[in-house]
N, C-alpha and C. Protein backbone atom coordinates (compact mmCIF):
# COMPACT_ATOMS: atom_id res chain seq x y z
N MET A 1 0.71 -1.49 0.21
CA MET A 1 -0.09 0.25 -0.29
C MET A 1 0.94 1.46 -0.13
N SER A 2 0.54 2.18 -0.60
CA SER A 2 1.31 3.79 -0.75
C SER A 2 1.12 4.10 0.18
N LEU A 3 2.37 4.88 0.73
CA LEU A 3 2.23 5.90 2.14
C LEU A 3 1.19 6.85 2.02
N PHE A 4 0.86 6.96 0.92
CA PHE A 4 -0.30 8.32 1.02
C PHE A 4 -2.50 7.76 0.41
N SER A 5 -1.90 6.39 0.20
CA SER A 5 -3.02 5.69 -0.28
C SER A 5 -4.20 6.10 0.78
N ARG A 6 -3.55 5.77 2.31
CA ARG A 6 -5.30 5.91 3.35
C ARG A 6 -5.04 7.40 3.57
N LYS A 7 -6.37 7.73 3.83
CA LYS A 7 -6.51 8.90 3.86
C LYS A 7 -5.94 9.63 5.04
N PRO A 8 -5.46 10.48 4.68
CA PRO A 8 -4.07 11.50 5.39
C PRO A 8 -4.54 11.97 6.83
N ASN A 9 -5.46 12.18 6.53
CA ASN A 9 -5.90 12.83 8.33
C ASN A 9 -7.19 11.74 9.02
N ASP A 10 -6.60 10.34 9.21
CA ASP A 10 -7.48 9.70 9.92
C ASP A 10 -7.25 9.59 11.41
N ALA A 11 -8.27 10.17 11.89
CA ALA A 11 -8.04 10.26 13.44
C ALA A 11 -8.30 8.89 14.48
N ALA A 12 -8.81 7.91 13.93
CA ALA A 12 -9.13 6.43 14.44
C ALA A 12 -7.93 5.58 14.60
N LEU A 13 -7.24 6.44 13.27
CA LEU A 13 -5.74 5.38 13.00
C LEU A 13 -4.60 6.17 14.35
N ARG A 14 -4.98 7.65 14.22
CA ARG A 14 -3.74 8.18 15.41
C ARG A 14 -4.13 7.91 16.55
N ALA A 15 -5.66 7.81 16.78
CA ALA A 15 -6.06 7.42 18.14
C ALA A 15 -5.74 6.07 18.59
N LYS A 16 -5.38 4.76 17.64
CA LYS A 16 -5.17 3.95 17.62
C LYS A 16 -3.21 3.93 18.67
N ALA A 17 -2.82 4.60 17.31
CA ALA A 17 -1.56 4.61 17.60
C ALA A 17 -0.82 4.93 18.93
N ALA A 18 -1.67 5.94 19.08
CA ALA A 18 -1.78 6.95 20.76
C ALA A 18 -1.70 5.95 21.66
N ARG A 19 -2.28 5.06 21.84
CA ARG A 19 -2.70 4.23 22.77
C ARG A 19 -1.58 3.56 23.12
N LYS A 20 -1.20 2.74 21.90
CA LYS A 20 0.15 1.92 21.74
C LYS A 20 1.40 3.02 22.41
N VAL A 21 1.36 4.16 21.96
CA VAL A 21 2.45 5.11 22.73
C VAL A 21 2.32 5.33 23.91
N ALA A 22 1.28 5.88 24.98
CA ALA A 22 0.73 5.75 26.23
C ALA A 22 0.84 4.65 26.73
N GLU A 23 0.53 3.36 26.23
CA GLU A 23 1.26 1.84 27.15
C GLU A 23 2.76 1.90 27.31
N ARG A 24 3.06 2.38 26.17
CA ARG A 24 4.84 2.23 26.42
C ARG A 24 5.40 2.91 27.80
N LEU A 25 5.00 3.74 27.45
CA LEU A 25 5.39 5.23 28.26
C LEU A 25 4.54 5.17 29.33
N GLU A 26 3.72 4.28 29.89
CA GLU A 26 3.38 4.09 31.53
C GLU A 26 3.71 3.20 31.97
N SER A 27 4.08 1.90 30.80
CA SER A 27 5.02 0.94 31.58
C SER A 27 7.44 1.23 31.86
N ASN A 28 6.97 2.51 31.46
CA ASN A 28 8.28 2.65 32.16
C ASN A 28 8.78 3.01 33.31
N PRO A 29 9.25 2.28 34.11
CA PRO A 29 9.47 3.31 35.23
C PRO A 29 10.45 4.64 36.04
N ALA A 30 10.79 5.15 34.97
CA ALA A 30 11.31 6.01 34.88
C ALA A 30 10.43 7.17 34.28
N ILE A 31 9.29 6.86 33.81
CA ILE A 31 8.36 7.82 33.55
C ILE A 31 7.58 8.23 34.52
N ARG A 32 6.86 9.56 34.57
CA ARG A 32 5.70 9.64 35.24
C ARG A 32 4.81 10.23 34.35
N ARG A 33 3.40 9.84 34.91
CA ARG A 33 2.20 10.98 34.26
C ARG A 33 1.71 12.01 35.33
N ALA A 34 1.84 13.61 34.19
CA ALA A 34 1.19 14.75 35.22
C ALA A 34 0.31 14.33 35.78
N PRO A 35 -0.61 14.86 36.90
CA PRO A 35 -1.55 14.57 37.32
C PRO A 35 -2.71 15.79 37.04
N ILE A 36 -3.35 15.33 35.60
CA ILE A 36 -3.93 15.91 34.97
C ILE A 36 -4.91 15.32 34.16
N ASP A 37 -5.97 15.45 34.11
CA ASP A 37 -6.53 15.13 33.24
C ASP A 37 -6.90 15.31 31.55
N ALA A 38 -7.11 16.79 31.20
CA ALA A 38 -7.26 17.21 30.01
C ALA A 38 -6.18 16.96 29.19
N ALA A 39 -5.21 16.16 29.24
CA ALA A 39 -3.94 16.00 28.08
C ALA A 39 -3.23 14.59 28.70
N GLN A 40 -3.05 14.32 28.11
CA GLN A 40 -1.64 12.71 27.97
C GLN A 40 -0.52 13.80 28.16
N LEU A 41 0.24 13.48 29.37
CA LEU A 41 1.35 14.90 29.44
C LEU A 41 2.51 13.73 30.73
N TYR A 42 3.92 13.66 30.29
CA TYR A 42 4.55 13.21 30.89
C TYR A 42 5.37 13.32 31.04
N LEU A 43 6.48 13.02 32.21
CA LEU A 43 7.63 13.70 32.94
C LEU A 43 8.88 12.46 33.06
N TYR A 44 10.21 12.62 32.40
CA TYR A 44 11.20 11.67 32.67
C TYR A 44 12.23 12.79 32.82
N PRO A 45 12.76 12.74 34.28
CA PRO A 45 13.49 13.77 34.76
C PRO A 45 15.22 12.70 34.52
N GLY A 46 15.82 13.81 34.41
CA GLY A 46 16.79 13.25 34.46
C GLY A 46 17.42 12.54 32.52
N TYR A 47 16.81 12.37 31.70
CA TYR A 47 16.60 11.60 30.62
C TYR A 47 18.20 12.67 29.86
N PHE A 48 18.08 13.37 29.24
CA PHE A 48 19.60 13.70 29.00
C PHE A 48 20.55 14.26 30.18
N ASP A 49 21.74 13.37 29.95
CA ASP A 49 22.77 13.49 31.36
C ASP A 49 23.91 15.13 30.43
N ASP A 50 24.43 15.56 31.73
CA ASP A 50 25.63 16.80 31.67
C ASP A 50 25.90 16.98 30.53
N ALA A 51 26.49 15.87 29.91
CA ALA A 51 27.35 15.51 28.77
C ALA A 51 26.51 16.34 27.89
N GLN A 52 25.32 15.23 27.18
CA GLN A 52 24.76 15.36 26.43
C GLN A 52 23.46 17.00 26.42
N CYS A 53 23.52 17.53 27.57
CA CYS A 53 22.97 18.52 27.07
C CYS A 53 24.02 19.50 26.78
N GLU A 54 25.10 19.45 27.09
CA GLU A 54 26.24 20.59 26.93
C GLU A 54 26.34 20.70 25.57
N THR A 55 26.20 19.55 24.96
CA THR A 55 26.79 19.29 23.81
C THR A 55 25.34 19.86 23.02
N LEU A 56 24.52 19.63 23.37
CA LEU A 56 23.38 20.39 22.57
C LEU A 56 23.25 21.65 22.59
N VAL A 57 22.96 22.22 24.00
CA VAL A 57 23.58 23.57 23.90
C VAL A 57 24.61 24.32 23.04
N ARG A 58 25.91 23.26 22.63
CA ARG A 58 26.82 24.05 21.95
C ARG A 58 26.30 24.19 20.71
N LEU A 59 26.02 22.82 20.21
CA LEU A 59 25.51 23.18 19.07
C LEU A 59 24.16 24.17 18.45
N ILE A 60 23.35 24.45 19.57
CA ILE A 60 22.64 25.36 19.36
C ILE A 60 23.10 26.78 19.44
N ASP A 61 23.71 26.98 20.00
CA ASP A 61 24.93 28.61 19.95
C ASP A 61 25.27 28.67 19.02
N ALA A 62 26.01 27.51 18.27
CA ALA A 62 26.69 27.74 17.07
C ALA A 62 25.63 27.39 15.43
N ASN A 63 24.43 27.22 15.53
CA ASN A 63 23.67 27.63 14.74
C ASN A 63 22.11 27.93 14.58
N ARG A 64 22.08 28.84 15.66
CA ARG A 64 20.67 29.55 15.81
C ARG A 64 20.96 30.75 15.09
N ARG A 65 19.12 30.84 14.84
CA ARG A 65 18.91 32.03 13.76
C ARG A 65 17.69 32.08 14.44
N PRO A 66 16.84 33.44 14.72
CA PRO A 66 15.20 33.96 15.01
C PRO A 66 14.47 32.59 14.18
N SER A 67 13.51 32.21 15.42
CA SER A 67 12.62 31.46 15.07
C SER A 67 11.60 32.32 14.51
N THR A 68 10.95 30.95 13.73
CA THR A 68 10.04 31.27 12.50
C THR A 68 8.91 30.31 13.08
N LEU A 69 7.65 30.95 12.38
CA LEU A 69 6.11 30.46 12.31
C LEU A 69 5.86 29.80 11.39
N LEU A 70 5.08 29.25 11.37
CA LEU A 70 4.23 28.30 10.53
C LEU A 70 3.08 29.25 9.32
N ALA A 71 2.36 29.49 10.42
CA ALA A 71 1.48 30.96 10.13
C ALA A 71 2.18 32.35 10.30
N THR A 72 1.37 33.01 9.40
CA THR A 72 1.76 34.61 10.38
C THR A 72 1.04 35.17 11.29
N HIS A 73 1.39 35.65 12.04
CA HIS A 73 0.90 36.68 13.47
C HIS A 73 0.72 37.99 13.57
N ASP A 74 -0.26 39.02 13.66
CA ASP A 74 0.06 39.86 13.75
C ASP A 74 0.95 40.71 14.97
N ASP A 75 1.33 39.95 15.87
CA ASP A 75 2.18 40.12 17.23
C ASP A 75 3.34 39.27 16.97
N PRO A 76 4.54 40.70 16.86
CA PRO A 76 6.06 40.81 17.11
C PRO A 76 6.23 39.73 18.47
N GLU A 77 5.67 40.19 19.42
CA GLU A 77 6.12 39.34 20.22
C GLU A 77 5.51 37.85 20.95
N PHE A 78 4.86 37.48 19.35
CA PHE A 78 4.53 36.15 19.61
C PHE A 78 5.46 34.93 20.12
N ARG A 79 6.45 34.84 19.67
CA ARG A 79 7.42 34.46 19.52
C ARG A 79 8.71 34.82 19.01
N THR A 80 9.54 35.09 20.02
CA THR A 80 10.79 35.96 20.45
C THR A 80 12.61 34.79 20.45
N SER A 81 12.19 34.02 20.23
CA SER A 81 13.58 32.73 20.39
C SER A 81 13.96 32.78 19.34
N ASP A 82 15.59 32.38 19.58
CA ASP A 82 16.43 31.47 18.43
C ASP A 82 16.28 30.09 18.65
N SER A 83 16.26 29.58 17.22
CA SER A 83 15.70 28.22 16.59
C SER A 83 17.16 27.48 16.34
N CYS A 84 17.60 26.33 15.84
CA CYS A 84 18.43 25.75 14.69
C CYS A 84 17.69 24.37 14.50
N ASP A 85 17.71 23.98 13.76
CA ASP A 85 17.41 22.89 13.35
C ASP A 85 19.15 21.80 13.53
N LEU A 86 18.61 20.45 13.88
CA LEU A 86 20.02 19.62 14.62
C LEU A 86 19.86 18.46 13.32
N ASP A 87 21.11 18.53 13.05
CA ASP A 87 21.09 17.68 11.61
C ASP A 87 20.94 15.91 12.16
N ARG A 88 20.43 15.31 12.01
CA ARG A 88 19.71 14.28 12.88
C ARG A 88 20.63 13.07 12.13
N TRP A 89 21.65 12.99 11.08
CA TRP A 89 22.29 12.27 10.52
C TRP A 89 23.95 12.23 11.00
N SER A 90 24.41 13.18 12.26
CA SER A 90 25.48 13.78 12.48
C SER A 90 25.88 12.51 13.71
N PRO A 91 26.81 12.26 14.09
CA PRO A 91 27.28 11.23 15.37
C PRO A 91 26.61 11.86 16.55
N GLU A 92 26.66 12.93 16.68
CA GLU A 92 26.37 13.90 17.81
C GLU A 92 24.90 13.38 18.13
N ILE A 93 24.05 14.27 17.12
CA ILE A 93 22.29 14.01 17.32
C ILE A 93 21.66 12.64 17.08
N GLU A 94 22.53 11.76 15.96
CA GLU A 94 21.51 10.59 15.72
C GLU A 94 21.51 9.72 16.57
N PRO A 95 22.07 9.32 17.53
CA PRO A 95 21.94 8.49 18.40
C PRO A 95 20.77 9.26 20.13
N LEU A 96 20.59 10.71 19.84
CA LEU A 96 19.65 10.92 20.69
C LEU A 96 18.30 11.12 19.96
N ASP A 97 18.62 11.22 18.71
CA ASP A 97 16.96 11.74 18.04
C ASP A 97 16.48 9.86 18.09
N ASN A 98 17.05 9.40 17.36
CA ASN A 98 16.22 8.03 17.32
C ASN A 98 16.52 7.38 18.55
N GLY A 99 16.97 7.76 19.86
CA GLY A 99 16.47 7.76 21.18
C GLY A 99 15.27 7.91 21.54
N LEU A 100 14.87 9.26 20.98
CA LEU A 100 13.46 9.45 21.35
C LEU A 100 12.72 8.84 20.84
N ALA A 101 12.25 8.49 19.64
CA ALA A 101 11.70 7.50 18.60
C ALA A 101 11.41 6.39 19.56
N ASP A 102 12.56 5.68 20.04
CA ASP A 102 12.50 4.58 20.20
C ASP A 102 12.21 4.58 21.67
N LEU A 103 11.97 5.36 22.64
CA LEU A 103 11.59 6.01 24.01
C LEU A 103 10.26 5.79 23.66
N LEU A 104 9.69 6.06 22.79
CA LEU A 104 7.68 6.46 22.65
C LEU A 104 7.29 5.31 21.81
N GLY A 105 8.55 4.51 20.99
CA GLY A 105 8.20 3.30 19.80
C GLY A 105 7.10 3.91 18.79
N ILE A 106 7.98 4.97 18.09
CA ILE A 106 7.64 5.54 17.32
C ILE A 106 8.26 5.75 15.95
N PRO A 107 8.29 5.06 14.61
CA PRO A 107 9.17 4.72 13.70
C PRO A 107 9.86 6.26 13.62
N HIS A 108 10.96 5.64 13.24
CA HIS A 108 11.86 7.14 13.16
C HIS A 108 11.35 8.01 11.88
N ALA A 109 10.71 7.40 11.04
CA ALA A 109 10.64 8.23 10.05
C ALA A 109 9.97 9.00 10.13
N ARG A 110 8.79 8.83 11.41
CA ARG A 110 7.92 9.72 11.29
C ARG A 110 8.60 11.12 12.25
N GLY A 111 9.73 11.03 12.48
CA GLY A 111 9.92 12.12 13.71
C GLY A 111 10.56 13.26 12.31
N GLU A 112 9.95 14.28 12.98
CA GLU A 112 10.50 15.79 12.24
C GLU A 112 12.17 15.90 12.63
N THR A 113 12.77 16.70 12.25
CA THR A 113 14.40 17.20 12.71
C THR A 113 13.88 17.61 13.95
N MET A 114 15.18 17.13 14.91
CA MET A 114 15.03 17.72 16.17
C MET A 114 15.29 19.31 16.18
N GLN A 115 14.94 19.74 16.66
CA GLN A 115 14.73 21.28 16.97
C GLN A 115 15.35 22.05 18.26
N GLY A 116 16.31 22.86 17.93
CA GLY A 116 17.01 23.38 19.36
C GLY A 116 16.61 24.80 19.14
N GLN A 117 16.35 25.03 20.73
CA GLN A 117 15.44 26.68 21.02
C GLN A 117 16.55 27.67 21.98
N ARG A 118 16.77 28.50 21.61
CA ARG A 118 17.32 29.79 22.83
C ARG A 118 16.63 30.40 23.12
N TYR A 119 16.14 31.09 24.46
CA TYR A 119 15.44 31.98 25.08
C TYR A 119 16.67 32.99 25.75
N ALA A 120 16.95 34.34 25.66
CA ALA A 120 17.67 35.28 26.23
C ALA A 120 16.40 35.66 27.06
N PRO A 121 17.33 36.56 27.84
CA PRO A 121 15.77 37.42 28.51
C PRO A 121 14.87 38.39 28.03
N GLY A 122 13.65 38.57 28.73
CA GLY A 122 12.76 39.09 27.50
C GLY A 122 12.16 38.24 26.63
N GLN A 123 12.71 36.62 26.17
CA GLN A 123 12.38 35.88 24.96
C GLN A 123 11.36 35.00 25.63
N GLN A 124 10.52 34.73 24.72
CA GLN A 124 9.38 33.90 24.85
C GLN A 124 8.32 32.78 23.48
N PHE A 125 7.53 32.09 23.90
CA PHE A 125 6.81 31.96 23.29
C PHE A 125 5.45 31.95 23.63
N LYS A 126 5.11 32.68 23.28
CA LYS A 126 3.24 32.92 23.79
C LYS A 126 2.20 31.94 23.40
N ALA A 127 1.35 31.41 23.79
CA ALA A 127 0.26 30.13 23.81
C ALA A 127 0.18 29.86 22.60
N HIS A 128 0.49 28.56 22.52
CA HIS A 128 0.26 28.18 20.91
C HIS A 128 -0.21 26.34 21.44
N CYS A 129 -0.71 26.00 20.35
CA CYS A 129 -0.83 24.19 20.19
C CYS A 129 -0.01 23.85 18.99
N ASP A 130 1.07 22.62 19.50
CA ASP A 130 2.19 21.94 17.87
C ASP A 130 1.22 21.18 16.85
N TYR A 131 -0.57 20.81 17.24
CA TYR A 131 -0.78 20.16 16.03
C TYR A 131 -1.03 21.38 15.46
N PHE A 132 -1.70 20.85 13.70
CA PHE A 132 -1.99 21.75 13.05
C PHE A 132 -3.50 22.16 12.93
N HIS A 133 -3.22 23.09 12.18
CA HIS A 133 -5.06 23.73 12.37
C HIS A 133 -5.65 23.26 10.87
N GLU A 134 -6.12 22.66 11.00
CA GLU A 134 -6.60 22.02 9.57
C GLU A 134 -7.76 23.02 8.83
N GLN A 135 -8.17 24.23 9.18
CA GLN A 135 -8.36 25.01 8.26
C GLN A 135 -7.70 26.34 7.76
N GLN A 136 -6.61 26.03 8.43
CA GLN A 136 -5.15 27.26 7.75
C GLN A 136 -4.62 26.74 6.38
N GLY A 137 -3.91 27.52 5.55
CA GLY A 137 -3.85 27.81 4.21
C GLY A 137 -2.80 26.56 4.17
N TYR A 138 -1.95 26.09 5.27
CA TYR A 138 -0.33 25.76 5.30
C TYR A 138 -0.92 23.60 5.68
N TRP A 139 -2.39 23.46 5.72
CA TRP A 139 -2.54 22.00 6.04
C TRP A 139 -2.55 21.45 4.64
N ALA A 140 -3.35 22.00 3.57
CA ALA A 140 -2.69 20.94 2.15
C ALA A 140 -1.13 20.17 2.07
N ASP A 141 -0.09 21.44 2.38
CA ASP A 141 1.33 21.00 2.50
C ASP A 141 1.39 20.51 3.34
N MET A 142 1.17 20.55 4.85
CA MET A 142 1.12 19.42 5.85
C MET A 142 0.70 17.76 5.84
N VAL A 143 -0.40 17.70 4.84
CA VAL A 143 -1.03 16.86 4.18
C VAL A 143 0.25 16.02 4.00
N ASN A 144 1.02 16.09 2.95
CA ASN A 144 1.91 16.13 1.86
C ASN A 144 3.31 16.02 2.44
N ALA A 145 3.34 16.24 3.53
CA ALA A 145 4.57 16.20 4.44
C ALA A 145 5.02 15.45 5.59
N GLY A 146 3.74 14.68 5.81
CA GLY A 146 3.48 13.67 6.77
C GLY A 146 2.62 13.79 7.58
N GLY A 147 1.28 14.52 7.19
CA GLY A 147 0.04 14.54 8.18
C GLY A 147 -0.17 15.12 9.44
N GLN A 148 -0.85 14.85 10.50
CA GLN A 148 -0.96 16.02 11.76
C GLN A 148 0.81 15.54 12.65
N ARG A 149 0.31 16.95 13.01
CA ARG A 149 1.68 16.34 14.44
C ARG A 149 0.99 15.35 15.31
N THR A 150 1.21 14.42 16.39
CA THR A 150 1.05 13.55 17.16
C THR A 150 1.45 14.26 18.20
N TRP A 151 2.50 13.36 18.59
CA TRP A 151 3.49 13.54 19.92
C TRP A 151 3.81 14.48 19.90
N THR A 152 4.81 15.35 20.80
CA THR A 152 5.69 16.53 21.57
C THR A 152 6.74 15.39 22.31
N ALA A 153 7.78 15.97 22.05
CA ALA A 153 8.96 15.16 23.50
C ALA A 153 9.90 16.93 23.50
N MET A 154 9.74 17.17 24.39
CA MET A 154 10.86 18.44 24.70
C MET A 154 11.43 18.04 25.90
N ALA A 155 12.74 18.69 25.88
CA ALA A 155 13.38 18.32 26.80
C ALA A 155 14.65 20.13 27.17
N TYR A 156 14.57 20.30 28.78
CA TYR A 156 15.37 21.42 28.97
C TYR A 156 16.76 20.79 29.33
N LEU A 157 17.67 21.68 28.98
CA LEU A 157 18.86 21.80 28.90
C LEU A 157 19.75 22.32 29.84
N ASN A 158 19.17 23.14 30.65
CA ASN A 158 19.79 23.42 31.55
C ASN A 158 19.00 24.41 32.94
N GLU A 159 19.15 24.95 33.79
CA GLU A 159 18.85 25.66 34.58
C GLU A 159 18.36 26.99 34.27
N VAL A 160 17.62 27.49 34.15
CA VAL A 160 17.09 28.88 34.35
C VAL A 160 17.21 29.79 35.69
N GLU A 161 17.95 30.96 35.59
CA GLU A 161 17.46 31.48 36.95
C GLU A 161 16.53 32.12 37.46
N GLU A 162 15.54 32.75 36.14
CA GLU A 162 14.24 33.05 36.45
C GLU A 162 13.13 33.26 35.85
N GLY A 163 11.86 32.40 35.41
CA GLY A 163 11.68 32.50 34.08
C GLY A 163 11.12 31.41 33.46
N GLY A 164 10.82 31.70 32.37
CA GLY A 164 11.13 30.32 31.28
C GLY A 164 10.43 29.04 31.59
N ALA A 165 9.04 29.29 32.04
CA ALA A 165 8.34 28.46 32.60
C ALA A 165 7.49 27.89 31.68
N THR A 166 7.54 26.54 31.30
CA THR A 166 6.08 25.97 30.14
C THR A 166 4.72 25.82 30.76
N TRP A 167 4.27 26.58 30.40
CA TRP A 167 2.72 26.60 31.02
C TRP A 167 1.44 25.69 30.05
N PHE A 168 1.21 24.99 30.72
CA PHE A 168 -0.27 24.73 29.67
C PHE A 168 -1.47 25.21 30.55
N PRO A 169 -2.19 26.21 30.03
CA PRO A 169 -3.26 27.29 30.68
C PRO A 169 -4.25 26.56 30.44
N ARG A 170 -4.45 26.07 30.04
CA ARG A 170 -6.43 25.02 30.12
C ARG A 170 -6.16 23.72 30.81
N ALA A 171 -4.58 23.49 31.07
CA ALA A 171 -4.97 21.74 31.59
C ALA A 171 -4.52 22.20 32.87
N GLY A 172 -4.18 23.74 33.27
CA GLY A 172 -3.81 23.79 34.68
C GLY A 172 -2.22 23.43 35.28
N PHE A 173 -1.58 23.33 34.24
CA PHE A 173 0.08 22.51 34.42
C PHE A 173 1.17 23.56 34.38
N ARG A 174 1.67 23.81 35.34
CA ARG A 174 3.09 24.43 35.00
C ARG A 174 4.36 23.88 35.25
N ILE A 175 5.63 23.80 34.27
CA ILE A 175 6.91 22.86 34.41
C ILE A 175 8.00 23.97 34.70
N ALA A 176 8.86 24.02 35.63
CA ALA A 176 9.77 24.63 36.02
C ALA A 176 11.02 23.97 34.89
N PRO A 177 11.64 24.86 34.34
CA PRO A 177 13.07 24.00 33.20
C PRO A 177 13.79 23.49 34.59
N LYS A 178 13.99 22.42 34.17
CA LYS A 178 15.48 21.31 34.63
C LYS A 178 16.17 20.89 33.93
N LYS A 179 17.24 21.00 34.52
CA LYS A 179 18.58 20.38 33.34
C LYS A 179 18.18 18.79 33.13
N GLY A 180 17.81 18.46 31.82
CA GLY A 180 17.60 17.32 31.44
C GLY A 180 16.32 16.36 31.48
N LEU A 181 15.43 17.26 32.40
CA LEU A 181 14.23 16.75 32.30
C LEU A 181 13.37 16.76 30.38
N LEU A 182 12.41 15.82 30.24
CA LEU A 182 11.82 15.48 29.30
C LEU A 182 10.67 15.44 29.49
N VAL A 183 9.74 16.41 28.67
CA VAL A 183 8.09 16.46 29.02
C VAL A 183 7.62 16.19 27.70
N ILE A 184 6.85 14.86 27.39
CA ILE A 184 6.30 14.31 26.62
C ILE A 184 4.71 14.50 26.49
N TRP A 185 4.06 15.11 25.33
CA TRP A 185 2.45 14.84 25.66
C TRP A 185 2.01 14.72 24.03
N ASN A 186 0.71 13.91 24.22
CA ASN A 186 -0.46 13.48 22.95
C ASN A 186 -0.47 15.04 22.69
N ASN A 187 -0.72 15.37 21.04
CA ASN A 187 -1.34 16.66 20.88
C ASN A 187 -2.68 16.31 20.75
N MET A 188 -3.20 15.21 20.60
CA MET A 188 -4.57 14.82 20.46
C MET A 188 -5.55 14.25 21.41
N LYS A 189 -7.01 14.41 20.98
CA LYS A 189 -7.97 13.86 22.50
C LYS A 189 -7.82 12.38 22.21
N PRO A 190 -8.45 11.96 22.81
CA PRO A 190 -8.59 9.92 22.88
C PRO A 190 -8.92 9.79 21.72
N ASP A 191 -10.00 10.56 20.40
CA ASP A 191 -10.62 10.48 19.59
C ASP A 191 -10.02 10.59 18.34
N GLY A 192 -8.23 11.10 18.69
CA GLY A 192 -7.45 11.18 17.74
C GLY A 192 -7.74 12.90 16.91
N THR A 193 -8.58 13.98 17.67
CA THR A 193 -8.19 15.28 17.02
C THR A 193 -7.85 15.74 17.81
N GLY A 194 -7.38 16.76 17.45
CA GLY A 194 -6.87 17.80 18.03
C GLY A 194 -7.03 18.31 18.96
N ASN A 195 -5.79 18.32 20.21
CA ASN A 195 -6.72 18.84 21.58
C ASN A 195 -6.44 20.21 22.12
N PHE A 196 -7.06 21.40 21.82
CA PHE A 196 -7.15 22.30 22.33
C PHE A 196 -6.25 22.38 23.90
N ASP A 197 -6.32 21.41 24.80
CA ASP A 197 -5.55 21.60 26.08
C ASP A 197 -4.73 21.53 26.27
N THR A 198 -3.87 21.03 25.03
CA THR A 198 -2.30 20.88 24.93
C THR A 198 -2.02 22.45 24.68
N LEU A 199 -2.73 23.27 24.39
CA LEU A 199 -2.02 25.32 24.43
C LEU A 199 -1.42 25.01 25.67
N HIS A 200 0.06 25.79 25.18
CA HIS A 200 1.16 25.73 25.59
C HIS A 200 1.71 26.98 25.55
N GLU A 201 2.52 27.56 26.77
CA GLU A 201 3.25 28.47 26.79
C GLU A 201 4.62 28.54 26.88
N GLY A 202 5.45 28.77 26.36
CA GLY A 202 7.29 29.46 26.71
C GLY A 202 7.63 30.72 27.26
N MET A 203 6.80 30.59 28.47
CA MET A 203 6.67 32.13 29.33
C MET A 203 8.27 32.58 29.16
N ARG A 204 7.91 33.79 29.35
CA ARG A 204 9.00 34.72 29.31
C ARG A 204 10.26 34.55 30.49
N VAL A 205 11.40 34.52 29.75
CA VAL A 205 12.78 34.51 30.64
C VAL A 205 12.95 35.75 31.31
N ILE A 206 13.08 35.42 32.51
CA ILE A 206 13.36 37.13 33.65
C ILE A 206 14.61 37.06 33.59
N ALA A 207 16.09 36.23 33.82
CA ALA A 207 17.52 35.74 34.48
C ALA A 207 17.73 35.13 33.41
N GLY A 208 18.68 34.65 32.77
CA GLY A 208 19.78 33.88 32.60
C GLY A 208 19.40 33.13 31.11
N THR A 209 19.58 32.16 30.72
CA THR A 209 19.08 31.92 29.28
C THR A 209 18.81 30.60 29.23
N LYS A 210 17.65 30.10 29.11
CA LYS A 210 16.35 28.71 28.65
C LYS A 210 17.54 28.04 27.10
N TYR A 211 17.52 26.76 27.19
CA TYR A 211 18.03 26.03 26.45
C TYR A 211 16.99 24.72 26.36
N ILE A 212 16.25 24.52 25.05
CA ILE A 212 15.53 23.22 25.26
C ILE A 212 15.89 22.86 23.73
N ILE A 213 15.13 21.63 23.67
CA ILE A 213 15.38 20.71 22.43
C ILE A 213 13.89 20.54 22.21
N THR A 214 13.00 20.13 20.43
CA THR A 214 11.89 19.79 21.06
C THR A 214 12.00 18.70 19.87
N LYS A 215 11.35 17.68 20.06
CA LYS A 215 11.11 16.72 18.62
C LYS A 215 9.37 16.08 18.47
N TRP A 216 9.15 16.86 17.52
CA TRP A 216 7.94 16.41 16.87
C TRP A 216 7.96 15.16 16.05
N PHE A 217 6.38 14.67 15.95
CA PHE A 217 5.95 13.69 15.50
C PHE A 217 4.75 13.41 14.51
N ARG A 218 4.75 12.69 13.63
CA ARG A 218 3.89 12.83 12.59
C ARG A 218 3.03 11.42 12.16
N GLU A 219 1.96 11.70 11.88
CA GLU A 219 1.27 10.40 12.10
C GLU A 219 1.30 9.52 10.55
N ARG A 220 2.40 10.11 9.95
CA ARG A 220 3.00 9.47 8.42
C ARG A 220 4.74 9.82 8.39
N ASP A 221 5.09 8.83 8.02
CA ASP A 221 6.41 9.03 7.45
C ASP A 221 6.32 10.55 7.22
N TRP A 222 7.27 11.38 8.11
CA TRP A 222 7.44 12.93 7.69
C TRP A 222 8.33 12.96 6.21
N VAL A 223 7.86 13.74 5.34
CA VAL A 223 8.85 14.42 4.33
C VAL A 223 9.24 15.73 4.69
N ARG A 224 10.86 16.13 4.53
CA ARG A 224 10.96 17.35 4.96
C ARG A 224 10.61 18.26 3.45
N THR A 225 10.41 19.71 3.79
CA THR A 225 9.46 20.45 3.51
C THR A 225 10.78 22.05 3.00
N SER A 226 10.31 22.71 2.20
CA SER A 226 10.89 24.29 2.28
C SER A 226 9.88 25.05 3.39
N PHE A 227 8.81 24.51 4.01
CA PHE A 227 8.15 25.39 4.68
C PHE A 227 8.87 25.70 6.28
N PRO A 228 8.79 26.54 6.75
CA PRO A 228 9.05 26.43 8.04
C PRO A 228 8.45 26.42 9.06
N THR A 229 8.78 25.58 10.44
CA THR A 229 8.41 24.57 11.02
C THR A 229 8.61 25.81 12.95
N TYR A 230 7.42 25.34 13.46
CA TYR A 230 8.07 26.13 15.25
C TYR A 230 7.63 25.14 15.70
């Protein structure tokens, strides 16, 4: 069967796949589920060790550029961080990149390029969802590039002096940056449609600099495009 022969936006298949990921995460004793009902959100303290964090910080500093948005936004302060794409085939990144996919039990080909992000004092990423909004003009391009974003894996690479928490306002959950902490969440509801309760914000850094990496997964194999991602 061709990769694109089935419906590209099949919520039932997304739901079935998500159940397998959740079962895998919940069977791992190093992972705990966040005490919220609005979304499936998991915490893995110390997932990256100090050396891995330092390597990722170094690569982000060397390759960072102003962060972009997939859709235009009227607010110039909506996303003010720097970002970089991390070479998934490099000897430093490949084991880390594949390790995240293996942790979730998702085929490597469904993962987007791991992205590094840097937030200096005053920088932020206002409230947004990681899944794609199907009414937006970019949706047709996303269908051809692997379909909907299903899971997000995000890790903090350093401690932050003040600010920089990740805030899920609708779910009522806030996470302070902690070096090595991996946060994983399902962007879909149990029925496989987008979960607006995963709305989250990279809160403004007050003092210090925040470094994170983010790995997004698609419902099908990801096909790299020229379109910017966030």
